[in-house]
Every structure is written in structure tokens, then in C-alpha cells.
C-alpha atoms as a PDB file:
ATOM      1  CA  MET A   1     -14.544   5.244 -15.860  1.00  0.00           C
ATOM      2  CA  ALA A   2     -13.567   8.338 -17.863  1.00  0.00           C
ATOM      3  CA  PHE A   3     -11.057  10.789 -16.710  1.00  0.00           C
ATOM      4  CA  GLN A   4     -12.522  13.875 -15.066  1.00  0.00           C
ATOM      5  CA  LEU A   5      -9.718  16.494 -14.470  1.00  0.00           C
ATOM      6  CA  LYS A   6     -11.947  18.529 -11.956  1.00  0.00           C
ATOM      7  CA  LYS A   7     -12.596  15.242  -9.892  1.00  0.00           C
ATOM      8  CA  GLU A   8      -8.804  14.359  -9.891  1.00  0.00           C
ATOM      9  CA  LEU A   9      -7.431  17.558  -9.194  1.00  0.00           C
ATOM     10  CA  PRO A  10      -7.205  17.084  -5.485  1.00  0.00           C
ATOM     11  CA  LEU A  11      -5.336  13.832  -5.893  1.00  0.00           C
ATOM     12  CA  ILE A  12      -3.094  15.305  -8.404  1.00  0.00           C
ATOM     13  CA  GLY A  13      -2.231  17.795  -5.424  1.00  0.00           C
ATOM     14  CA  ILE A  14      -1.484  15.321  -3.064  1.00  0.00           C
ATOM     15  CA  ILE A  15       0.903  13.613  -5.770  1.00  0.00           C
ATOM     16  CA  LEU A  16       2.766  16.867  -6.356  1.00  0.00           C
ATOM     17  CA  LEU A  17       3.337  17.497  -2.445  1.00  0.00           C
ATOM     18  CA  PRO A  18       6.432  15.142  -2.722  1.00  0.00           C
ATOM     19  CA  PHE A  19       7.920  17.082  -5.643  1.00  0.00           C
ATOM     20  CA  LEU A  20       6.939  20.228  -4.090  1.00  0.00           C
ATOM     21  CA  TYR A  21       8.820  19.296  -0.853  1.00  0.00           C
ATOM     22  CA  LEU A  22      11.747  17.911  -2.601  1.00  0.00           C
ATOM     23  CA  ALA A  23      12.140  21.222  -4.798  1.00  0.00           C
ATOM     24  CA  TYR A  24      11.896  23.065  -1.336  1.00  0.00           C
ATOM     25  CA  VAL A  25      14.792  21.530   0.337  1.00  0.00           C
ATOM     26  CA  TRP A  26      16.716  20.921  -2.697  1.00  0.00           C
ATOM     27  CA  PRO A  27      19.191  23.822  -2.345  1.00  0.00           C
ATOM     28  CA  ASP A  28      19.985  22.418   1.074  1.00  0.00           C
ATOM     29  CA  LEU A  29      20.983  19.021   0.256  1.00  0.00           C
ATOM     30  CA  PRO A  30      24.582  17.938  -0.027  1.00  0.00           C
ATOM     31  CA  GLN A  31      25.441  16.120  -3.411  1.00  0.00           C
ATOM     32  CA  ARG A  32      25.882  12.985  -1.632  1.00  0.00           C
ATOM     33  CA  VAL A  33      22.705  11.727   0.410  1.00  0.00           C
ATOM     34  CA  PRO A  34      21.556   9.057   2.417  1.00  0.00           C
ATOM     35  CA  MET A  35      19.905   6.287   0.222  1.00  0.00           C
ATOM     36  CA  HIS A  36      18.843   3.526   2.100  1.00  0.00           C
ATOM     37  CA  TYR A  37      18.693   2.356   5.621  1.00  0.00           C
ATOM     38  CA  ASN A  38      18.788  -0.918   7.763  1.00  0.00           C
ATOM     39  CA  ILE A  39      16.215  -2.117  10.095  1.00  0.00           C
ATOM     40  CA  LYS A  40      17.865   0.012  13.056  1.00  0.00           C
ATOM     41  CA  GLY A  41      17.473   3.101  11.080  1.00  0.00           C
ATOM     42  CA  GLU A  42      21.385   3.383  10.101  1.00  0.00           C
ATOM     43  CA  ILE A  43      22.430   4.901   7.038  1.00  0.00           C
ATOM     44  CA  ASP A  44      23.959   1.672   5.009  1.00  0.00           C
ATOM     45  CA  ARG A  45      23.987   3.477   1.212  1.00  0.00           C
ATOM     46  CA  TYR A  46      24.841   6.911  -0.076  1.00  0.00           C
ATOM     47  CA  GLY A  47      24.221   8.084  -3.434  1.00  0.00           C
ATOM     48  CA  ASP A  48      23.804  11.229  -5.495  1.00  0.00           C
ATOM     49  CA  LYS A  49      21.053  13.657  -4.633  1.00  0.00           C
ATOM     50  CA  SER A  50      19.487  13.184  -8.130  1.00  0.00           C
ATOM     51  CA  GLU A  51      18.250   9.806  -7.277  1.00  0.00           C
ATOM     52  CA  LEU A  52      15.687  11.220  -4.947  1.00  0.00           C
ATOM     53  CA  LEU A  53      13.856  12.305  -7.915  1.00  0.00           C
ATOM     54  CA  ILE A  54      13.010   8.616  -8.694  1.00  0.00           C
ATOM     55  CA  ILE A  55      11.019   8.264  -5.165  1.00  0.00           C
ATOM     56  CA  PRO A  56       8.029  10.445  -6.173  1.00  0.00           C
ATOM     57  CA  PHE A  57       8.073   8.732  -9.397  1.00  0.00           C
ATOM     58  CA  ILE A  58       7.900   5.210  -8.355  1.00  0.00           C
ATOM     59  CA  MET A  59       5.641   5.739  -5.375  1.00  0.00           C
ATOM     60  CA  PRO A  60       2.777   8.208  -5.938  1.00  0.00           C
ATOM     61  CA  VAL A  61       2.947   8.752  -9.650  1.00  0.00           C
ATOM     62  CA  LEU A  62       3.180   5.062 -10.478  1.00  0.00           C
ATOM     63  CA  ILE A  63       0.410   4.197  -8.130  1.00  0.00           C
ATOM     64  CA  TYR A  64      -1.876   6.535  -9.429  1.00  0.00           C
ATOM     65  CA  ILE A  65      -0.945   5.745 -13.485  1.00  0.00           C
ATOM     66  CA  VAL A  66      -1.727   1.927 -12.641  1.00  0.00           C
ATOM     67  CA  PHE A  67      -5.153   3.060 -11.220  1.00  0.00           C
ATOM     68  CA  LEU A  68      -5.848   5.057 -14.278  1.00  0.00           C
ATOM     69  CA  VAL A  69      -4.768   2.328 -16.672  1.00  0.00           C
ATOM     70  CA  VAL A  70      -6.429  -0.924 -15.196  1.00  0.00           C
ATOM     71  CA  PRO A  71     -10.005   0.187 -15.403  1.00  0.00           C
ATOM     72  CA  LYS A  72      -9.365   0.470 -19.266  1.00  0.00           C
ATOM     73  CA  ILE A  73      -7.801  -3.191 -19.672  1.00  0.00           C
ATOM     74  CA  ASP A  74     -10.087  -4.986 -17.288  1.00  0.00           C
ATOM     75  CA  PRO A  75     -11.436  -7.849 -19.753  1.00  0.00           C
ATOM     76  CA  LYS A  76     -15.077  -7.963 -18.019  1.00  0.00           C
ATOM     77  CA  ASN A  77     -15.511  -4.438 -16.565  1.00  0.00           C
ATOM     78  CA  LYS A  78     -15.713  -5.572 -13.197  1.00  0.00           C
ATOM     79  CA  LEU A  79     -14.038  -2.515 -11.584  1.00  0.00           C
ATOM     80  CA  GLN A  80     -16.836  -0.360 -13.106  1.00  0.00           C
ATOM     81  CA  GLN A  81     -19.275  -2.266 -10.644  1.00  0.00           C
ATOM     82  CA  MET A  82     -17.424  -1.074  -7.556  1.00  0.00           C
ATOM     83  CA  GLY A  83     -18.161   2.459  -8.399  1.00  0.00           C
ATOM     84  CA  ASN A  84     -17.229   4.897  -5.903  1.00  0.00           C
ATOM     85  CA  LYS A  85     -15.283   1.987  -3.589  1.00  0.00           C
ATOM     86  CA  PHE A  86     -12.805   2.023  -6.618  1.00  0.00           C
ATOM     87  CA  GLN A  87     -12.031   5.695  -6.771  1.00  0.00           C
ATOM     88  CA  THR A  88     -11.703   5.357  -2.728  1.00  0.00           C
ATOM     89  CA  ILE A  89      -8.986   2.547  -2.475  1.00  0.00           C
ATOM     90  CA  LYS A  90      -7.243   4.743  -5.387  1.00  0.00           C
ATOM     91  CA  VAL A  91      -7.235   7.932  -3.136  1.00  0.00           C
ATOM     92  CA  LEU A  92      -5.929   5.696   0.009  1.00  0.00           C
ATOM     93  CA  LEU A  93      -3.204   4.121  -1.753  1.00  0.00           C
ATOM     94  CA  THR A  94      -1.848   7.245  -3.648  1.00  0.00           C
ATOM     95  CA  THR A  95      -2.255   9.240  -0.457  1.00  0.00           C
ATOM     96  CA  PHE A  96      -0.227   6.647   1.350  1.00  0.00           C
ATOM     97  CA  MET A  97       2.629   6.612  -1.524  1.00  0.00           C
ATOM     98  CA  SER A  98       2.486  10.374  -1.262  1.00  0.00           C
ATOM     99  CA  VAL A  99       3.025  10.510   2.459  1.00  0.00           C
ATOM    100  CA  LEU A 100       5.657   7.691   2.304  1.00  0.00           C
ATOM    101  CA  ALA A 101       7.795   9.869  -0.333  1.00  0.00           C
ATOM    102  CA  LEU A 102       7.452  12.789   1.782  1.00  0.00           C
ATOM    103  CA  TYR A 103       8.624  11.082   4.779  1.00  0.00           C
ATOM    104  CA  ILE A 104      11.831   9.442   2.856  1.00  0.00           C
ATOM    105  CA  ILE A 105      12.411  12.710   1.690  1.00  0.00           C
ATOM    106  CA  TYR A 106      12.533  14.516   5.135  1.00  0.00           C
ATOM    107  CA  SER A 107      14.442  11.564   6.492  1.00  0.00           C
ATOM    108  CA  THR A 108      17.075  11.818   3.575  1.00  0.00           C
ATOM    109  CA  LYS A 109      17.579  15.512   4.167  1.00  0.00           C
ATOM    110  CA  ASN A 110      18.162  15.033   8.170  1.00  0.00           C
ATOM    111  CA  ALA A 111      20.149  12.057   7.319  1.00  0.00           C
ATOM    112  CA  SER A 112      18.586  10.221   9.920  1.00  0.00           C
ATOM    113  CA  LEU A 113      15.353   7.888   9.370  1.00  0.00           C
ATOM    114  CA  SER A 114      14.757   8.769  13.085  1.00  0.00           C
ATOM    115  CA  ASN A 115      12.655   5.663  13.575  1.00  0.00           C
ATOM    116  CA  PRO A 116      11.881   3.089  11.196  1.00  0.00           C
ATOM    117  CA  ASN A 117       8.872   1.990  13.084  1.00  0.00           C
ATOM    118  CA  TYR A 118       6.965   5.232  11.766  1.00  0.00           C
ATOM    119  CA  ILE A 119       7.131   3.671   8.369  1.00  0.00           C
ATOM    120  CA  LEU A 120       5.813  -0.051   9.607  1.00  0.00           C
ATOM    121  CA  LEU A 121       2.917   2.051  11.676  1.00  0.00           C
ATOM    122  CA  LEU A 122       2.112   3.831   8.447  1.00  0.00           C
ATOM    123  CA  ILE A 123       1.699   0.377   6.690  1.00  0.00           C
ATOM    124  CA  GLY A 124      -0.333  -0.696   9.610  1.00  0.00           C
ATOM    125  CA  VAL A 125      -2.637   1.816   9.359  1.00  0.00           C
ATOM    126  CA  LEU A 126      -3.035   1.107   5.701  1.00  0.00           C
ATOM    127  CA  TYR A 127      -3.731  -2.539   6.601  1.00  0.00           C
ATOM    128  CA  VAL A 128      -6.390  -1.552   8.749  1.00  0.00           C
ATOM    129  CA  ILE A 129      -8.218   0.537   5.998  1.00  0.00           C
ATOM    130  CA  LEU A 130      -7.849  -1.942   3.346  1.00  0.00           C
ATOM    131  CA  GLY A 131      -9.378  -4.545   5.792  1.00  0.00           C
ATOM    132  CA  ASN A 132     -11.933  -2.101   6.203  1.00  0.00           C
ATOM    133  CA  TYR A 133     -13.186  -2.533   2.486  1.00  0.00           C
ATOM    134  CA  PHE A 134     -11.885  -5.949   1.609  1.00  0.00           C
ATOM    135  CA  LYS A 135     -15.789  -7.271   1.959  1.00  0.00           C
ATOM    136  CA  THR A 136     -17.271  -4.499  -0.380  1.00  0.00           C
ATOM    137  CA  ILE A 137     -14.668  -5.176  -3.305  1.00  0.00           C
ATOM    138  CA  LYS A 138     -16.265  -7.114  -6.069  1.00  0.00           C
ATOM    139  CA  ALA A 139     -14.464  -9.753  -7.957  1.00  0.00           C
ATOM    140  CA  ASN A 140     -11.958  -8.636 -10.361  1.00  0.00           C
ATOM    141  CA  TYR A 141      -8.534  -9.277 -11.980  1.00  0.00           C
ATOM    142  CA  PHE A 142      -6.355  -6.379 -10.156  1.00  0.00           C
ATOM    143  CA  ILE A 143      -7.948  -5.834  -6.541  1.00  0.00           C
ATOM    144  CA  GLY A 144      -8.078  -7.928  -3.384  1.00  0.00           C
ATOM    145  CA  ILE A 145      -7.123 -11.473  -2.953  1.00  0.00           C
ATOM    146  CA  LYS A 146      -6.733 -13.036  -6.386  1.00  0.00           C
ATOM    147  CA  THR A 147      -6.080 -16.606  -6.384  1.00  0.00           C
ATOM    148  CA  PRO A 148      -7.521 -18.852  -9.247  1.00  0.00           C
ATOM    149  CA  TRP A 149     -10.370 -19.973  -6.370  1.00  0.00           C
ATOM    150  CA  THR A 150     -11.550 -16.964  -5.921  1.00  0.00           C
ATOM    151  CA  LEU A 151     -11.626 -15.939  -9.501  1.00  0.00           C
ATOM    152  CA  GLU A 152     -13.289 -19.139 -10.436  1.00  0.00           C
ATOM    153  CA  ASN A 153     -16.268 -18.576  -7.860  1.00  0.00           C
ATOM    154  CA  GLU A 154     -18.119 -15.699  -6.670  1.00  0.00           C
ATOM    155  CA  THR A 155     -18.917 -17.342  -3.311  1.00  0.00           C
ATOM    156  CA  VAL A 156     -15.417 -18.137  -2.422  1.00  0.00           C
ATOM    157  CA  TRP A 157     -14.288 -14.445  -3.600  1.00  0.00           C
ATOM    158  CA  LYS A 158     -17.116 -12.938  -1.089  1.00  0.00           C
ATOM    159  CA  ASP A 159     -16.185 -15.609   1.781  1.00  0.00           C
ATOM    160  CA  THR A 160     -12.682 -15.169   1.563  1.00  0.00           C
ATOM    161  CA  HIS A 161     -12.501 -11.522   1.275  1.00  0.00           C
ATOM    162  CA  LYS A 162     -14.900 -11.480   4.258  1.00  0.00           C
ATOM    163  CA  LEU A 163     -12.230 -13.508   6.268  1.00  0.00           C
ATOM    164  CA  GLY A 164      -9.116 -11.416   4.618  1.00  0.00           C
ATOM    165  CA  GLY A 165     -10.821  -8.018   5.778  1.00  0.00           C
ATOM    166  CA  LYS A 166     -11.119  -9.217   9.409  1.00  0.00           C
ATOM    167  CA  LEU A 167      -7.344 -10.519   9.415  1.00  0.00           C
ATOM    168  CA  TRP A 168      -6.162  -7.635   7.501  1.00  0.00           C
ATOM    169  CA  PHE A 169      -7.951  -5.105  10.082  1.00  0.00           C
ATOM    170  CA  ALA A 170      -6.960  -7.070  13.003  1.00  0.00           C
ATOM    171  CA  GLY A 171      -3.349  -7.537  11.602  1.00  0.00           C
ATOM    172  CA  GLY A 172      -2.700  -3.909  11.090  1.00  0.00           C
ATOM    173  CA  LEU A 173      -3.920  -3.101  14.839  1.00  0.00           C
ATOM    174  CA  VAL A 174      -1.523  -5.357  16.151  1.00  0.00           C
ATOM    175  CA  ILE A 175       1.212  -4.085  13.814  1.00  0.00           C
ATOM    176  CA  ILE A 176       0.335  -0.783  15.117  1.00  0.00           C
ATOM    177  CA  LEU A 177       0.526  -1.697  18.643  1.00  0.00           C
ATOM    178  CA  GLY A 178       4.016  -3.402  17.900  1.00  0.00           C
ATOM    179  CA  CYS A 179       5.359  -0.095  16.716  1.00  0.00           C
ATOM    180  CA  LEU A 180       4.376   1.327  20.245  1.00  0.00           C
ATOM    181  CA  ILE A 181       6.251  -1.357  21.782  1.00  0.00           C
ATOM    182  CA  PHE A 182       9.211  -3.309  20.406  1.00  0.00           C
ATOM    183  CA  ASN A 183      12.357  -1.698  19.207  1.00  0.00           C
ATOM    184  CA  GLN A 184      13.180  -1.453  15.330  1.00  0.00           C
ATOM    185  CA  LYS A 185      14.859  -4.681  14.641  1.00  0.00           C
ATOM    186  CA  THR A 186      12.382  -6.718  16.649  1.00  0.00           C
ATOM    187  CA  ASN A 187       9.100  -5.004  15.107  1.00  0.00           C
ATOM    188  CA  PHE A 188      10.450  -5.498  11.838  1.00  0.00           C
ATOM    189  CA  ILE A 189      10.618  -9.427  12.372  1.00  0.00           C
ATOM    190  CA  PHE A 190       7.272  -8.987  14.082  1.00  0.00           C
ATOM    191  CA  PHE A 191       5.853  -7.251  11.121  1.00  0.00           C
ATOM    192  CA  MET A 192       6.791  -9.784   8.519  1.00  0.00           C
ATOM    193  CA  ILE A 193       5.397 -12.486  10.702  1.00  0.00           C
ATOM    194  CA  ILE A 194       1.957 -10.805  10.927  1.00  0.00           C
ATOM    195  CA  THR A 195       2.114 -10.016   7.178  1.00  0.00           C
ATOM    196  CA  ALA A 196       2.793 -13.544   6.295  1.00  0.00           C
ATOM    197  CA  ILE A 197      -0.337 -14.495   8.553  1.00  0.00           C
ATOM    198  CA  ILE A 198      -2.500 -12.046   6.868  1.00  0.00           C
ATOM    199  CA  THR A 199      -1.543 -12.893   3.580  1.00  0.00           C
ATOM    200  CA  ILE A 200      -1.007 -16.825   3.551  1.00  0.00           C
ATOM    201  CA  ILE A 201      -4.494 -17.782   5.665  1.00  0.00           C
ATOM    202  CA  PRO A 202      -6.748 -16.320   3.022  1.00  0.00           C
ATOM    203  CA  ILE A 203      -4.968 -17.973   0.203  1.00  0.00           C
ATOM    204  CA  VAL A 204      -5.393 -21.284   1.884  1.00  0.00           C
ATOM    205  CA  TYR A 205      -9.015 -20.475   3.084  1.00  0.00           C
ATOM    206  CA  SER A 206      -9.918 -19.691  -0.779  1.00  0.00           C
ATOM    207  CA  TYR A 207      -8.591 -23.108  -1.848  1.00  0.00           C
ATOM    208  CA  GLN A 208     -10.286 -25.005   1.049  1.00  0.00           C
ATOM    209  CA  ARG A 209     -13.448 -23.199   0.555  1.00  0.00           C
ATOM    210  CA  PHE A 210     -13.720 -23.941  -3.230  1.00  0.00           C
ATOM    211  CA  LYS A 211     -13.132 -27.504  -2.714  1.00  0.00           C
ATOM    212  CA  GLN A 212     -15.996 -27.538  -0.135  1.00  0.00           C
ATOM    213  CA  ILE A 213     -18.182 -25.940  -2.643  1.00  0.00           C
ATOM    214  CA  SER A 214     -17.231 -27.897  -5.223  1.00  0.00           C
ATOM    215  CA  LYS A 215     -18.144 -31.488  -3.355  1.00  0.00           C
ATOM    216  CA  VAL A 216     -22.036 -29.886  -2.991  1.00  0.00           C
END
């Protein structure tokens, strides 16, 4: 997967958006700005505004760099077999991180997280999108439900990701619905429970499916 600047330019533009927005609001920011909020959306830590520079770097930039590097260190070139799906997932996750960085900077500028449910709603949307792609992901060491049993057996990988895709898709929809119904504190707990469920069930299933196939 050679780097093609012309192909990557639109995504690089999306990555730059949080930097451009931060530069735009920088003169209006006080020296000390809100840096952390609790689950109720209340400020519980302030810091120097220079700390905001870290946000675009550790979110869209870092994710983008990871997606550039992993194909080069993939020991069996499994990611090459994913073709455009790998690029699509890279675009989705990097864009998500840019949007999240923009929202955090915006909230800091206004000294209010407004509604923490918005962040969880965005994550719910991400779960729905990823769940839709799970069944198309080829076995690899970097993306997907990577357990000793899915990596050991291709059938286990396919079956686990088929189930995982349905769970993440449904879980994302449930999280989005929860964001529209519950208050911030209740919804955070609800979000953590749903996330735990859609994460643990595929892992347990992969072990059971591997044992089932091993007995044949």
C-alpha cells in the first residue's frame, strides 16, 4: 500500500481542520481553559491553553500515522488483501477523530461540554459503521476481533466477525437511542454496559467456536 499524496490529500485536509479551527479561536481563548469534564459535563480541571495543541495530534494525526505504518509492518500482508475496505476504515476512523477533536476544542472555547451525550452519540454512530464492516474484514493482526482463536482459524475469524458485526451494529443503535432518552450520568453507565457486552460476547464466542471446530 504505497503512499499516494493525491489520493491522501482529502483525508489530510480533514486532519487539518482541528488545527485550523484551533488557530482561528486561539486569540479569543483565555490563558487557562477547561481541560477535563466529568460525566455530568461539569469542568473538573483547568490547564494552559497550549495543552489544546495535543488534542489534534493524539487524535486524528496519531490514528492516521498508525494506519500508514501498520501495512508496512504487517508480517503476512493480510491488510493488502482488504483492498479498498482498509482505506475506507482508515477514512472513517480518522474523520471520526477529527470531528471529536473539533467538538472538544469547541467545548473548551465555550467553557461548556454542552451535553456529554453528544460524544457518546458519535461513538454509537461509529459502532454502527464499524459493525457494518466487520464481516468484510479479512484475518489480520491489527484490525478486528483479534483473539488467539480467531487468529488461529479462518473459520473462527469469519464466524466471530459475523456475530460481532451484528452486535456492534445493534449496540451502536441502542447507544444512539440511549443518548436521546437518558440523562448524562445514566447514559454513561448504559454506554459502558453496552460496550462491555458487544466486546465480551464475541471474545467468548470465538473461544467456544474454536473448541467446537477442534473437536471435529
